Amino acid sequence: MKKWNYIKPKNLNAEIPDWRISEHTRNIVAAFSEYSEYTESEVVDRFLKNLLTDDDFVTWAKNKRNNKRLLKQLGIEETEEI
């Protein structure tokens, strides 16, 4: 008997943000969404995760006082090299 592969949720902690973006940016997201066949939310989510590749940002986060919660929220290991 073959075991079922159940559908897993994409993101259990999704929230509606409270910020505004320009119409130009919204058009970029909409066009890229159509091109990539991802939803607009997925496009924004995946793109913003690229901010974690900014070495200066990661260094700033690691050097903040009382940063343990922030590092955990960002998914940054404290032991990673700066």
PDB file of N, CA and C in Angstrom:
ATOM      1  N   MET A   1       0.846  -1.183   0.000  1.00  0.00           N
ATOM      2  CA  MET A   1       0.000   0.000   0.000  1.00  0.00           C
ATOM      3  C   MET A   1       0.890   1.244   0.000  1.00  0.00           C
ATOM      4  N   LYS A   2       0.588   2.176  -0.877  1.00  0.00           N
ATOM      5  CA  LYS A   2       1.379   3.403  -0.992  1.00  0.00           C
ATOM      6  C   LYS A   2       0.973   4.399   0.087  1.00  0.00           C
ATOM      7  N   LYS A   3       1.983   4.992   0.709  1.00  0.00           N
ATOM      8  CA  LYS A   3       1.738   5.989   1.749  1.00  0.00           C
ATOM      9  C   LYS A   3       1.363   7.327   1.097  1.00  0.00           C
ATOM     10  N   TRP A   4       0.400   8.011   1.681  1.00  0.00           N
ATOM     11  CA  TRP A   4      -0.063   9.302   1.176  1.00  0.00           C
ATOM     12  C   TRP A   4       0.968  10.387   1.440  1.00  0.00           C
ATOM     13  N   ASN A   5       1.103  11.303   0.515  1.00  0.00           N
ATOM     14  CA  ASN A   5       1.902  12.509   0.697  1.00  0.00           C
ATOM     15  C   ASN A   5       0.931  13.666   0.870  1.00  0.00           C
ATOM     16  N   TYR A   6       0.685  14.017   2.101  1.00  0.00           N
ATOM     17  CA  TYR A   6      -0.284  15.065   2.402  1.00  0.00           C
ATOM     18  C   TYR A   6       0.269  16.432   2.070  1.00  0.00           C
ATOM     19  N   ILE A   7      -0.618  17.340   1.719  1.00  0.00           N
ATOM     20  CA  ILE A   7      -0.236  18.716   1.411  1.00  0.00           C
ATOM     21  C   ILE A   7       0.121  19.418   2.713  1.00  0.00           C
ATOM     22  N   LYS A   8       1.265  20.061   2.719  1.00  0.00           N
ATOM     23  CA  LYS A   8       1.729  20.799   3.894  1.00  0.00           C
ATOM     24  C   LYS A   8       1.425  22.279   3.713  1.00  0.00           C
ATOM     25  N   PRO A   9       1.112  22.985   4.795  1.00  0.00           N
ATOM     26  CA  PRO A   9       0.876  24.429   4.669  1.00  0.00           C
ATOM     27  C   PRO A   9       2.162  25.152   4.284  1.00  0.00           C
ATOM     28  N   LYS A  10       2.009  26.215   3.497  1.00  0.00           N
ATOM     29  CA  LYS A  10       3.173  26.986   3.069  1.00  0.00           C
ATOM     30  C   LYS A  10       3.749  27.813   4.203  1.00  0.00           C
ATOM     31  N   ASN A  11       2.881  28.480   4.950  1.00  0.00           N
ATOM     32  CA  ASN A  11       3.359  29.364   6.007  1.00  0.00           C
ATOM     33  C   ASN A  11       2.248  29.520   7.038  1.00  0.00           C
ATOM     34  N   LEU A  12       2.448  28.957   8.203  1.00  0.00           N
ATOM     35  CA  LEU A  12       1.434  29.025   9.250  1.00  0.00           C
ATOM     36  C   LEU A  12       1.377  30.384   9.935  1.00  0.00           C
ATOM     37  N   ASN A  13       2.432  31.165   9.817  1.00  0.00           N
ATOM     38  CA  ASN A  13       2.518  32.433  10.545  1.00  0.00           C
ATOM     39  C   ASN A  13       2.341  33.645   9.634  1.00  0.00           C
ATOM     40  N   ALA A  14       1.600  33.508   8.561  1.00  0.00           N
ATOM     41  CA  ALA A  14       1.414  34.622   7.629  1.00  0.00           C
ATOM     42  C   ALA A  14       0.574  35.718   8.281  1.00  0.00           C
ATOM     43  N   GLU A  15       1.019  36.949   8.099  1.00  0.00           N
ATOM     44  CA  GLU A  15       0.304  38.108   8.626  1.00  0.00           C
ATOM     45  C   GLU A  15       0.170  39.148   7.525  1.00  0.00           C
ATOM     46  N   ILE A  16      -0.839  39.977   7.622  1.00  0.00           N
ATOM     47  CA  ILE A  16      -1.009  41.073   6.677  1.00  0.00           C
ATOM     48  C   ILE A  16      -0.207  42.259   7.201  1.00  0.00           C
ATOM     49  N   PRO A  17       0.810  42.716   6.433  1.00  0.00           N
ATOM     50  CA  PRO A  17       1.638  43.827   6.905  1.00  0.00           C
ATOM     51  C   PRO A  17       0.873  45.144   6.871  1.00  0.00           C
ATOM     52  N   ASP A  18       1.346  46.079   7.666  1.00  0.00           N
ATOM     53  CA  ASP A  18       0.724  47.397   7.727  1.00  0.00           C
ATOM     54  C   ASP A  18       1.713  48.432   7.200  1.00  0.00           C
ATOM     55  N   TRP A  19       2.003  48.370   5.905  1.00  0.00           N
ATOM     56  CA  TRP A  19       2.864  49.363   5.283  1.00  0.00           C
ATOM     57  C   TRP A  19       2.363  49.641   3.875  1.00  0.00           C
ATOM     58  N   ARG A  20       2.874  50.705   3.300  1.00  0.00           N
ATOM     59  CA  ARG A  20       2.455  51.100   1.957  1.00  0.00           C
ATOM     60  C   ARG A  20       3.653  51.010   1.022  1.00  0.00           C
ATOM     61  N   ILE A  21       3.372  50.655  -0.232  1.00  0.00           N
ATOM     62  CA  ILE A  21       4.410  50.639  -1.254  1.00  0.00           C
ATOM     63  C   ILE A  21       3.916  51.477  -2.434  1.00  0.00           C
ATOM     64  N   SER A  22       4.858  51.954  -3.216  1.00  0.00           N
ATOM     65  CA  SER A  22       4.493  52.797  -4.359  1.00  0.00           C
ATOM     66  C   SER A  22       3.773  51.969  -5.427  1.00  0.00           C
ATOM     67  N   GLU A  23       3.035  52.661  -6.267  1.00  0.00           N
ATOM     68  CA  GLU A  23       2.333  51.986  -7.363  1.00  0.00           C
ATOM     69  C   GLU A  23       3.336  51.311  -8.299  1.00  0.00           C
ATOM     70  N   HIS A  24       4.476  51.959  -8.513  1.00  0.00           N
ATOM     71  CA  HIS A  24       5.519  51.393  -9.373  1.00  0.00           C
ATOM     72  C   HIS A  24       6.006  50.057  -8.819  1.00  0.00           C
ATOM     73  N   THR A  25       6.279  50.018  -7.524  1.00  0.00           N
ATOM     74  CA  THR A  25       6.730  48.780  -6.890  1.00  0.00           C
ATOM     75  C   THR A  25       5.651  47.709  -6.969  1.00  0.00           C
ATOM     76  N   ARG A  26       4.421  48.099  -6.759  1.00  0.00           N
ATOM     77  CA  ARG A  26       3.292  47.158  -6.838  1.00  0.00           C
ATOM     78  C   ARG A  26       3.195  46.566  -8.238  1.00  0.00           C
ATOM     79  N   ASN A  27       3.410  47.385  -9.266  1.00  0.00           N
ATOM     80  CA  ASN A  27       3.382  46.896 -10.646  1.00  0.00           C
ATOM     81  C   ASN A  27       4.520  45.920 -10.921  1.00  0.00           C
ATOM     82  N   ILE A  28       5.688  46.194 -10.355  1.00  0.00           N
ATOM     83  CA  ILE A  28       6.827  45.284 -10.508  1.00  0.00           C
ATOM     84  C   ILE A  28       6.491  43.926  -9.902  1.00  0.00           C
ATOM     85  N   VAL A  29       5.957  43.943  -8.688  1.00  0.00           N
ATOM     86  CA  VAL A  29       5.601  42.693  -8.006  1.00  0.00           C
ATOM     87  C   VAL A  29       4.544  41.936  -8.806  1.00  0.00           C
ATOM     88  N   ALA A  30       3.538  42.638  -9.299  1.00  0.00           N
ATOM     89  CA  ALA A  30       2.472  41.992 -10.069  1.00  0.00           C
ATOM     90  C   ALA A  30       3.024  41.361 -11.350  1.00  0.00           C
ATOM     91  N   ALA A  31       3.888  42.080 -12.049  1.00  0.00           N
ATOM     92  CA  ALA A  31       4.464  41.554 -13.289  1.00  0.00           C
ATOM     93  C   ALA A  31       5.364  40.357 -13.007  1.00  0.00           C
ATOM     94  N   PHE A  32       6.194  40.454 -11.964  1.00  0.00           N
ATOM     95  CA  PHE A  32       7.084  39.337 -11.642  1.00  0.00           C
ATOM     96  C   PHE A  32       6.281  38.129 -11.183  1.00  0.00           C
ATOM     97  N   SER A  33       5.194  38.379 -10.482  1.00  0.00           N
ATOM     98  CA  SER A  33       4.311  37.302 -10.051  1.00  0.00           C
ATOM     99  C   SER A  33       3.750  36.555 -11.261  1.00  0.00           C
ATOM    100  N   GLU A  34       3.304  37.305 -12.238  1.00  0.00           N
ATOM    101  CA  GLU A  34       2.772  36.684 -13.458  1.00  0.00           C
ATOM    102  C   GLU A  34       3.861  35.897 -14.177  1.00  0.00           C
ATOM    103  N   TYR A  35       5.050  36.483 -14.291  1.00  0.00           N
ATOM    104  CA  TYR A  35       6.184  35.846 -14.959  1.00  0.00           C
ATOM    105  C   TYR A  35       6.599  34.555 -14.255  1.00  0.00           C
ATOM    106  N   SER A  36       6.730  34.608 -12.933  1.00  0.00           N
ATOM    107  CA  SER A  36       7.276  33.482 -12.169  1.00  0.00           C
ATOM    108  C   SER A  36       6.226  32.446 -11.774  1.00  0.00           C
ATOM    109  N   GLU A  37       4.965  32.806 -11.913  1.00  0.00           N
ATOM    110  CA  GLU A  37       3.848  31.956 -11.510  1.00  0.00           C
ATOM    111  C   GLU A  37       3.805  31.710  -9.998  1.00  0.00           C
ATOM    112  N   TYR A  38       4.433  32.600  -9.252  1.00  0.00           N
ATOM    113  CA  TYR A  38       4.278  32.639  -7.796  1.00  0.00           C
ATOM    114  C   TYR A  38       3.213  33.689  -7.495  1.00  0.00           C
ATOM    115  N   THR A  39       2.579  33.578  -6.327  1.00  0.00           N
ATOM    116  CA  THR A  39       1.646  34.629  -5.937  1.00  0.00           C
ATOM    117  C   THR A  39       2.442  35.887  -5.602  1.00  0.00           C
ATOM    118  N   GLU A  40       1.771  37.017  -5.566  1.00  0.00           N
ATOM    119  CA  GLU A  40       2.449  38.263  -5.201  1.00  0.00           C
ATOM    120  C   GLU A  40       3.031  38.164  -3.800  1.00  0.00           C
ATOM    121  N   SER A  41       2.314  37.540  -2.886  1.00  0.00           N
ATOM    122  CA  SER A  41       2.818  37.367  -1.519  1.00  0.00           C
ATOM    123  C   SER A  41       4.087  36.529  -1.503  1.00  0.00           C
ATOM    124  N   GLU A  42       4.114  35.469  -2.303  1.00  0.00           N
ATOM    125  CA  GLU A  42       5.303  34.617  -2.362  1.00  0.00           C
ATOM    126  C   GLU A  42       6.490  35.370  -2.957  1.00  0.00           C
ATOM    127  N   VAL A  43       6.244  36.194  -3.963  1.00  0.00           N
ATOM    128  CA  VAL A  43       7.315  36.984  -4.574  1.00  0.00           C
ATOM    129  C   VAL A  43       7.935  37.913  -3.537  1.00  0.00           C
ATOM    130  N   VAL A  44       7.096  38.648  -2.812  1.00  0.00           N
ATOM    131  CA  VAL A  44       7.595  39.583  -1.798  1.00  0.00           C
ATOM    132  C   VAL A  44       8.323  38.821  -0.693  1.00  0.00           C
ATOM    133  N   ASP A  45       7.748  37.721  -0.227  1.00  0.00           N
ATOM    134  CA  ASP A  45       8.354  36.937   0.846  1.00  0.00           C
ATOM    135  C   ASP A  45       9.733  36.421   0.439  1.00  0.00           C
ATOM    136  N   ARG A  46       9.829  35.844  -0.741  1.00  0.00           N
ATOM    137  CA  ARG A  46      11.111  35.299  -1.203  1.00  0.00           C
ATOM    138  C   ARG A  46      12.132  36.411  -1.433  1.00  0.00           C
ATOM    139  N   PHE A  47      11.696  37.528  -2.003  1.00  0.00           N
ATOM    140  CA  PHE A  47      12.627  38.619  -2.268  1.00  0.00           C
ATOM    141  C   PHE A  47      13.175  39.216  -0.978  1.00  0.00           C
ATOM    142  N   LEU A  48      12.305  39.466  -0.010  1.00  0.00           N
ATOM    143  CA  LEU A  48      12.752  40.099   1.232  1.00  0.00           C
ATOM    144  C   LEU A  48      13.703  39.209   2.025  1.00  0.00           C
ATOM    145  N   LYS A  49      13.593  37.905   1.872  1.00  0.00           N
ATOM    146  CA  LYS A  49      14.533  37.007   2.554  1.00  0.00           C
ATOM    147  C   LYS A  49      15.956  37.199   2.046  1.00  0.00           C
ATOM    148  N   ASN A  50      16.110  37.783   0.856  1.00  0.00           N
ATOM    149  CA  ASN A  50      17.442  38.086   0.329  1.00  0.00           C
ATOM    150  C   ASN A  50      18.166  39.134   1.171  1.00  0.00           C
ATOM    151  N   LEU A  51      17.433  39.893   1.975  1.00  0.00           N
ATOM    152  CA  LEU A  51      18.082  40.885   2.841  1.00  0.00           C
ATOM    153  C   LEU A  51      19.060  40.220   3.800  1.00  0.00           C
ATOM    154  N   LEU A  52      18.836  38.942   4.096  1.00  0.00           N
ATOM    155  CA  LEU A  52      19.734  38.224   5.000  1.00  0.00           C
ATOM    156  C   LEU A  52      21.082  37.917   4.357  1.00  0.00           C
ATOM    157  N   THR A  53      21.246  38.197   3.067  1.00  0.00           N
ATOM    158  CA  THR A  53      22.545  38.019   2.417  1.00  0.00           C
ATOM    159  C   THR A  53      23.372  39.302   2.477  1.00  0.00           C
ATOM    160  N   ASP A  54      22.808  40.371   3.043  1.00  0.00           N
ATOM    161  CA  ASP A  54      23.520  41.641   3.211  1.00  0.00           C
ATOM    162  C   ASP A  54      24.421  41.514   4.437  1.00  0.00           C
ATOM    163  N   ASP A  55      25.720  41.387   4.204  1.00  0.00           N
ATOM    164  CA  ASP A  55      26.665  41.172   5.301  1.00  0.00           C
ATOM    165  C   ASP A  55      26.627  42.293   6.331  1.00  0.00           C
ATOM    166  N   ASP A  56      26.456  43.539   5.881  1.00  0.00           N
ATOM    167  CA  ASP A  56      26.406  44.661   6.822  1.00  0.00           C
ATOM    168  C   ASP A  56      25.183  44.555   7.732  1.00  0.00           C
ATOM    169  N   PHE A  57      24.045  44.144   7.180  1.00  0.00           N
ATOM    170  CA  PHE A  57      22.831  43.972   7.981  1.00  0.00           C
ATOM    171  C   PHE A  57      23.013  42.854   9.008  1.00  0.00           C
ATOM    172  N   VAL A  58      23.566  41.733   8.571  1.00  0.00           N
ATOM    173  CA  VAL A  58      23.778  40.601   9.483  1.00  0.00           C
ATOM    174  C   VAL A  58      24.754  40.997  10.588  1.00  0.00           C
ATOM    175  N   THR A  59      25.814  41.709  10.245  1.00  0.00           N
ATOM    176  CA  THR A  59      26.776  42.176  11.247  1.00  0.00           C
ATOM    177  C   THR A  59      26.098  43.117  12.231  1.00  0.00           C
ATOM    178  N   TRP A  60      25.280  44.034  11.730  1.00  0.00           N
ATOM    179  CA  TRP A  60      24.543  44.955  12.596  1.00  0.00           C
ATOM    180  C   TRP A  60      23.671  44.184  13.570  1.00  0.00           C
ATOM    181  N   ALA A  61      22.945  43.187  13.077  1.00  0.00           N
ATOM    182  CA  ALA A  61      22.057  42.390  13.937  1.00  0.00           C
ATOM    183  C   ALA A  61      22.853  41.644  15.002  1.00  0.00           C
ATOM    184  N   LYS A  62      23.997  41.105  14.617  1.00  0.00           N
ATOM    185  CA  LYS A  62      24.817  40.351  15.572  1.00  0.00           C
ATOM    186  C   LYS A  62      25.428  41.260  16.630  1.00  0.00           C
ATOM    187  N   ASN A  63      25.668  42.520  16.291  1.00  0.00           N
ATOM    188  CA  ASN A  63      26.308  43.441  17.227  1.00  0.00           C
ATOM    189  C   ASN A  63      25.322  44.217  18.095  1.00  0.00           C
ATOM    190  N   LYS A  64      24.032  44.058  17.854  1.00  0.00           N
ATOM    191  CA  LYS A  64      23.032  44.733  18.692  1.00  0.00           C
ATOM    192  C   LYS A  64      23.073  44.165  20.098  1.00  0.00           C
ATOM    193  N   ARG A  65      22.816  45.008  21.078  1.00  0.00           N
ATOM    194  CA  ARG A  65      22.725  44.524  22.457  1.00  0.00           C
ATOM    195  C   ARG A  65      21.452  43.713  22.598  1.00  0.00           C
ATOM    196  N   ASN A  66      21.504  42.704  23.445  1.00  0.00           N
ATOM    197  CA  ASN A  66      20.343  41.840  23.697  1.00  0.00           C
ATOM    198  C   ASN A  66      19.730  41.349  22.382  1.00  0.00           C
ATOM    199  N   ASN A  67      20.563  40.749  21.547  1.00  0.00           N
ATOM    200  CA  ASN A  67      20.138  40.397  20.198  1.00  0.00           C
ATOM    201  C   ASN A  67      19.651  38.961  20.033  1.00  0.00           C
ATOM    202  N   LYS A  68      19.602  38.180  21.089  1.00  0.00           N
ATOM    203  CA  LYS A  68      19.261  36.760  20.952  1.00  0.00           C
ATOM    204  C   LYS A  68      17.909  36.541  20.283  1.00  0.00           C
ATOM    205  N   ARG A  69      16.896  37.291  20.687  1.00  0.00           N
ATOM    206  CA  ARG A  69      15.569  37.120  20.091  1.00  0.00           C
ATOM    207  C   ARG A  69      15.582  37.547  18.621  1.00  0.00           C
ATOM    208  N   LEU A  70      16.239  38.669  18.324  1.00  0.00           N
ATOM    209  CA  LEU A  70      16.319  39.144  16.944  1.00  0.00           C
ATOM    210  C   LEU A  70      16.998  38.105  16.056  1.00  0.00           C
ATOM    211  N   LEU A  71      18.126  37.568  16.514  1.00  0.00           N
ATOM    212  CA  LEU A  71      18.839  36.573  15.719  1.00  0.00           C
ATOM    213  C   LEU A  71      17.982  35.339  15.485  1.00  0.00           C
ATOM    214  N   LYS A  72      17.229  34.939  16.497  1.00  0.00           N
ATOM    215  CA  LYS A  72      16.340  33.789  16.342  1.00  0.00           C
ATOM    216  C   LYS A  72      15.241  34.097  15.327  1.00  0.00           C
ATOM    217  N   GLN A  73      14.647  35.290  15.407  1.00  0.00           N
ATOM    218  CA  GLN A  73      13.593  35.683  14.467  1.00  0.00           C
ATOM    219  C   GLN A  73      14.114  35.738  13.033  1.00  0.00           C
ATOM    220  N   LEU A  74      15.358  36.170  12.874  1.00  0.00           N
ATOM    221  CA  LEU A  74      15.949  36.291  11.544  1.00  0.00           C
ATOM    222  C   LEU A  74      16.515  34.972  11.038  1.00  0.00           C
ATOM    223  N   GLY A  75      16.642  33.979  11.922  1.00  0.00           N
ATOM    224  CA  GLY A  75      17.206  32.690  11.533  1.00  0.00           C
ATOM    225  C   GLY A  75      18.708  32.749  11.359  1.00  0.00           C
ATOM    226  N   ILE A  76      19.353  33.623  12.137  1.00  0.00           N
ATOM    227  CA  ILE A  76      20.808  33.789  12.078  1.00  0.00           C
ATOM    228  C   ILE A  76      21.409  33.101  13.293  1.00  0.00           C
ATOM    229  N   GLU A  77      22.406  32.264  13.047  1.00  0.00           N
ATOM    230  CA  GLU A  77      23.095  31.593  14.149  1.00  0.00           C
ATOM    231  C   GLU A  77      24.064  32.572  14.796  1.00  0.00           C
ATOM    232  N   GLU A  78      24.087  32.564  16.119  1.00  0.00           N
ATOM    233  CA  GLU A  78      25.016  33.444  16.835  1.00  0.00           C
ATOM    234  C   GLU A  78      26.463  33.067  16.564  1.00  0.00           C
ATOM    235  N   THR A  79      26.717  31.793  16.281  1.00  0.00           N
ATOM    236  CA  THR A  79      28.084  31.313  16.123  1.00  0.00           C
ATOM    237  C   THR A  79      28.620  31.498  14.715  1.00  0.00           C
ATOM    238  N   GLU A  80      27.774  31.947  13.764  1.00  0.00           N
ATOM    239  CA  GLU A  80      28.255  32.172  12.403  1.00  0.00           C
ATOM    240  C   GLU A  80      29.316  33.264  12.413  1.00  0.00           C
ATOM    241  N   GLU A  81      30.266  33.136  11.502  1.00  0.00           N
ATOM    242  CA  GLU A  81      31.317  34.145  11.394  1.00  0.00           C
ATOM    243  C   GLU A  81      30.732  35.458  10.903  1.00  0.00           C
ATOM    244  N   ILE A  82      31.247  36.556  11.432  1.00  0.00           N
ATOM    245  CA  ILE A  82      30.791  37.892  11.014  1.00  0.00           C
ATOM    246  C   ILE A  82      31.524  38.311   9.767  1.00  0.00           C
TER     247      ILE A  82
END
